[in-house]
């Protein structure tokens, strides 16, 4: 069997190297929650009480529906059903649709989505904010 450059790819490409899960308190989902860098393997391995879901660019698919679905699939494979809180940085259509369409599964998996109900005003600028106490 030849192992040239064309044959060296594995059957499944993953963004995470193999290994045990890592537990963290707060994780910012990389690359504005774009599916190019985050998949099910990420959520199987990087386990957090809080995930910040950034992105407000529907043309660039940020946040990506695939990333949000990967969270559900990855979390379903955790041994424990610990509480997970998603913190969206923007009120996007993708986030709203995902929340409504998967709400029952979110409840089954003990996932809560925080609403951006607070606003910080600084000089001429205002933006949504969440306070997190760990």
C-alpha atoms as a PDB file:
ATOM      1  CA  UNK A   1       0.000   0.000   0.000  1.00  0.00           C
ATOM      2  CA  UNK A   2       1.387   3.351  -1.028  1.00  0.00           C
ATOM      3  CA  UNK A   3       1.396   6.096   1.585  1.00  0.00           C
ATOM      4  CA  UNK A   4       2.047   9.072  -0.657  1.00  0.00           C
ATOM      5  CA  UNK A   5       0.754  12.570   0.024  1.00  0.00           C
ATOM      6  CA  UNK A   6      -2.648  11.738  -1.451  1.00  0.00           C
ATOM      7  CA  UNK A   7      -3.141   8.699   0.798  1.00  0.00           C
ATOM      8  CA  UNK A   8      -2.060  10.112   4.143  1.00  0.00           C
ATOM      9  CA  UNK A   9      -5.371  11.731   5.099  1.00  0.00           C
ATOM     10  CA  UNK A  10      -7.381  10.017   7.769  1.00  0.00           C
ATOM     11  CA  UNK A  11     -10.994   9.101   7.126  1.00  0.00           C
ATOM     12  CA  UNK A  12     -12.207  11.794   9.529  1.00  0.00           C
ATOM     13  CA  UNK A  13     -10.580  15.188   9.821  1.00  0.00           C
ATOM     14  CA  UNK A  14     -10.915  16.745  13.252  1.00  0.00           C
ATOM     15  CA  UNK A  15      -9.773  20.015  14.762  1.00  0.00           C
ATOM     16  CA  UNK A  16      -8.910  18.429  18.134  1.00  0.00           C
ATOM     17  CA  UNK A  17      -6.062  15.979  18.765  1.00  0.00           C
ATOM     18  CA  UNK A  18      -7.008  12.764  20.578  1.00  0.00           C
ATOM     19  CA  UNK A  19      -6.962  12.815  24.354  1.00  0.00           C
ATOM     20  CA  UNK A  20      -9.081  13.098  27.494  1.00  0.00           C
ATOM     21  CA  UNK A  21     -11.646  15.875  27.983  1.00  0.00           C
ATOM     22  CA  UNK A  22     -10.583  19.228  29.406  1.00  0.00           C
ATOM     23  CA  UNK A  23     -12.885  20.925  31.940  1.00  0.00           C
ATOM     24  CA  UNK A  24     -13.034  24.729  32.052  1.00  0.00           C
ATOM     25  CA  UNK A  25     -15.271  27.344  33.627  1.00  0.00           C
ATOM     26  CA  UNK A  26     -15.582  29.677  30.626  1.00  0.00           C
ATOM     27  CA  UNK A  27     -14.792  29.088  26.932  1.00  0.00           C
ATOM     28  CA  UNK A  28     -14.992  31.531  24.041  1.00  0.00           C
ATOM     29  CA  UNK A  29     -15.963  29.454  21.006  1.00  0.00           C
ATOM     30  CA  UNK A  30     -13.156  30.184  18.514  1.00  0.00           C
ATOM     31  CA  UNK A  31     -13.391  32.063  15.227  1.00  0.00           C
ATOM     32  CA  UNK A  32     -16.759  33.751  15.882  1.00  0.00           C
ATOM     33  CA  UNK A  33     -18.410  30.323  16.209  1.00  0.00           C
ATOM     34  CA  UNK A  34     -17.598  29.462  12.600  1.00  0.00           C
ATOM     35  CA  UNK A  35     -17.835  25.768  11.658  1.00  0.00           C
ATOM     36  CA  UNK A  36     -14.417  25.774   9.929  1.00  0.00           C
ATOM     37  CA  UNK A  37     -12.706  25.476  13.321  1.00  0.00           C
ATOM     38  CA  UNK A  38     -15.264  23.948  15.677  1.00  0.00           C
ATOM     39  CA  UNK A  39     -16.982  20.568  15.399  1.00  0.00           C
ATOM     40  CA  UNK A  40     -18.505  17.851  17.595  1.00  0.00           C
ATOM     41  CA  UNK A  41     -15.047  16.710  18.699  1.00  0.00           C
ATOM     42  CA  UNK A  42     -14.382  20.187  20.131  1.00  0.00           C
ATOM     43  CA  UNK A  43     -17.428  19.938  22.407  1.00  0.00           C
ATOM     44  CA  UNK A  44     -16.688  16.326  23.348  1.00  0.00           C
ATOM     45  CA  UNK A  45     -13.233  17.399  24.510  1.00  0.00           C
ATOM     46  CA  UNK A  46     -13.582  21.033  25.676  1.00  0.00           C
ATOM     47  CA  UNK A  47     -16.213  20.872  28.422  1.00  0.00           C
ATOM     48  CA  UNK A  48     -17.245  24.120  30.026  1.00  0.00           C
ATOM     49  CA  UNK A  49     -19.903  25.525  32.322  1.00  0.00           C
ATOM     50  CA  UNK A  50     -20.131  28.605  30.077  1.00  0.00           C
ATOM     51  CA  UNK A  51     -19.596  29.017  26.324  1.00  0.00           C
ATOM     52  CA  UNK A  52     -19.494  32.468  24.737  1.00  0.00           C
ATOM     53  CA  UNK A  53     -21.120  32.356  21.285  1.00  0.00           C
ATOM     54  CA  UNK A  54     -19.812  35.274  19.278  1.00  0.00           C
ATOM     55  CA  UNK A  55     -20.625  36.359  15.759  1.00  0.00           C
ATOM     56  CA  UNK A  56     -23.166  38.548  14.061  1.00  0.00           C
ATOM     57  CA  UNK A  57     -22.477  37.995  10.360  1.00  0.00           C
ATOM     58  CA  UNK A  58     -25.040  35.811   8.632  1.00  0.00           C
ATOM     59  CA  UNK A  59     -23.205  36.061   5.277  1.00  0.00           C
ATOM     60  CA  UNK A  60     -20.116  34.482   6.888  1.00  0.00           C
ATOM     61  CA  UNK A  61     -22.305  32.001   8.806  1.00  0.00           C
ATOM     62  CA  UNK A  62     -21.201  33.402  12.160  1.00  0.00           C
ATOM     63  CA  UNK A  63     -22.449  32.042  14.442  1.00  0.00           C
ATOM     64  CA  UNK A  64     -22.807  28.784  12.561  1.00  0.00           C
ATOM     65  CA  UNK A  65     -25.863  26.569  12.998  1.00  0.00           C
ATOM     66  CA  UNK A  66     -23.501  23.599  12.551  1.00  0.00           C
ATOM     67  CA  UNK A  67     -21.470  24.717  15.597  1.00  0.00           C
ATOM     68  CA  UNK A  68     -24.595  25.071  17.730  1.00  0.00           C
ATOM     69  CA  UNK A  69     -25.778  21.612  16.616  1.00  0.00           C
ATOM     70  CA  UNK A  70     -22.280  20.247  17.359  1.00  0.00           C
ATOM     71  CA  UNK A  71     -22.640  21.485  20.927  1.00  0.00           C
ATOM     72  CA  UNK A  72     -25.819  19.440  21.329  1.00  0.00           C
ATOM     73  CA  UNK A  73     -24.246  16.333  19.810  1.00  0.00           C
ATOM     74  CA  UNK A  74     -20.992  16.671  21.757  1.00  0.00           C
ATOM     75  CA  UNK A  75     -22.714  17.413  25.096  1.00  0.00           C
ATOM     76  CA  UNK A  76     -24.951  14.358  24.638  1.00  0.00           C
ATOM     77  CA  UNK A  77     -21.777  12.224  24.887  1.00  0.00           C
ATOM     78  CA  UNK A  78     -20.603  13.652  28.244  1.00  0.00           C
ATOM     79  CA  UNK A  79     -20.751  11.224  31.159  1.00  0.00           C
ATOM     80  CA  UNK A  80     -22.414  13.814  33.415  1.00  0.00           C
ATOM     81  CA  UNK A  81     -25.315  16.119  32.712  1.00  0.00           C
ATOM     82  CA  UNK A  82     -23.696  19.225  34.184  1.00  0.00           C
ATOM     83  CA  UNK A  83     -25.356  22.589  33.592  1.00  0.00           C
ATOM     84  CA  UNK A  84     -24.045  24.456  30.539  1.00  0.00           C
ATOM     85  CA  UNK A  85     -24.849  28.092  29.816  1.00  0.00           C
ATOM     86  CA  UNK A  86     -24.512  29.660  26.367  1.00  0.00           C
ATOM     87  CA  UNK A  87     -23.806  33.380  26.276  1.00  0.00           C
ATOM     88  CA  UNK A  88     -24.523  34.870  22.849  1.00  0.00           C
ATOM     89  CA  UNK A  89     -22.794  38.191  22.181  1.00  0.00           C
ATOM     90  CA  UNK A  90     -25.436  39.211  19.629  1.00  0.00           C
ATOM     91  CA  UNK A  91     -29.103  38.559  19.013  1.00  0.00           C
ATOM     92  CA  UNK A  92     -28.807  36.771  15.659  1.00  0.00           C
ATOM     93  CA  UNK A  93     -31.459  35.075  13.585  1.00  0.00           C
ATOM     94  CA  UNK A  94     -29.412  31.848  13.549  1.00  0.00           C
ATOM     95  CA  UNK A  95     -29.292  31.824  17.344  1.00  0.00           C
ATOM     96  CA  UNK A  96     -33.025  32.535  17.690  1.00  0.00           C
ATOM     97  CA  UNK A  97     -34.012  29.790  15.186  1.00  0.00           C
ATOM     98  CA  UNK A  98     -31.658  27.255  16.780  1.00  0.00           C
ATOM     99  CA  UNK A  99     -32.969  28.109  20.242  1.00  0.00           C
ATOM    100  CA  UNK A 100     -36.601  27.624  19.201  1.00  0.00           C
ATOM    101  CA  UNK A 101     -36.054  24.485  17.103  1.00  0.00           C
ATOM    102  CA  UNK A 102     -33.883  22.663  19.665  1.00  0.00           C
ATOM    103  CA  UNK A 103     -35.311  23.965  22.939  1.00  0.00           C
ATOM    104  CA  UNK A 104     -36.527  20.550  24.125  1.00  0.00           C
ATOM    105  CA  UNK A 105     -33.147  18.944  23.433  1.00  0.00           C
ATOM    106  CA  UNK A 106     -31.417  21.836  25.216  1.00  0.00           C
ATOM    107  CA  UNK A 107     -33.544  21.153  28.288  1.00  0.00           C
ATOM    108  CA  UNK A 108     -32.791  17.415  28.140  1.00  0.00           C
ATOM    109  CA  UNK A 109     -29.053  18.191  27.990  1.00  0.00           C
ATOM    110  CA  UNK A 110     -29.222  20.833  30.774  1.00  0.00           C
ATOM    111  CA  UNK A 111     -28.236  23.687  28.441  1.00  0.00           C
ATOM    112  CA  UNK A 112     -29.435  27.212  29.151  1.00  0.00           C
ATOM    113  CA  UNK A 113     -29.138  30.191  26.785  1.00  0.00           C
ATOM    114  CA  UNK A 114     -28.711  33.607  28.399  1.00  0.00           C
ATOM    115  CA  UNK A 115     -30.585  36.484  26.874  1.00  0.00           C
ATOM    116  CA  UNK A 116     -28.674  39.689  26.376  1.00  0.00           C
ATOM    117  CA  UNK A 117     -30.970  41.767  28.542  1.00  0.00           C
ATOM    118  CA  UNK A 118     -28.332  44.125  29.924  1.00  0.00           C
ATOM    119  CA  UNK A 119     -26.793  46.993  28.013  1.00  0.00           C
ATOM    120  CA  UNK A 120     -23.580  48.847  28.778  1.00  0.00           C
ATOM    121  CA  UNK A 121     -23.411  52.455  27.633  1.00  0.00           C
ATOM    122  CA  UNK A 122     -19.988  54.083  27.229  1.00  0.00           C
ATOM    123  CA  UNK A 123     -19.841  57.618  25.864  1.00  0.00           C
ATOM    124  CA  UNK A 124     -21.461  57.388  22.393  1.00  0.00           C
ATOM    125  CA  UNK A 125     -21.567  53.598  22.212  1.00  0.00           C
ATOM    126  CA  UNK A 126     -23.833  50.953  23.738  1.00  0.00           C
ATOM    127  CA  UNK A 127     -23.634  47.165  23.550  1.00  0.00           C
ATOM    128  CA  UNK A 128     -25.250  44.085  25.162  1.00  0.00           C
ATOM    129  CA  UNK A 129     -23.510  42.608  28.186  1.00  0.00           C
ATOM    130  CA  UNK A 130     -23.758  39.729  30.636  1.00  0.00           C
ATOM    131  CA  UNK A 131     -22.291  39.517  34.122  1.00  0.00           C
ATOM    132  CA  UNK A 132     -20.858  36.134  35.059  1.00  0.00           C
ATOM    133  CA  UNK A 133     -19.854  35.176  38.577  1.00  0.00           C
ATOM    134  CA  UNK A 134     -17.710  32.060  38.859  1.00  0.00           C
END
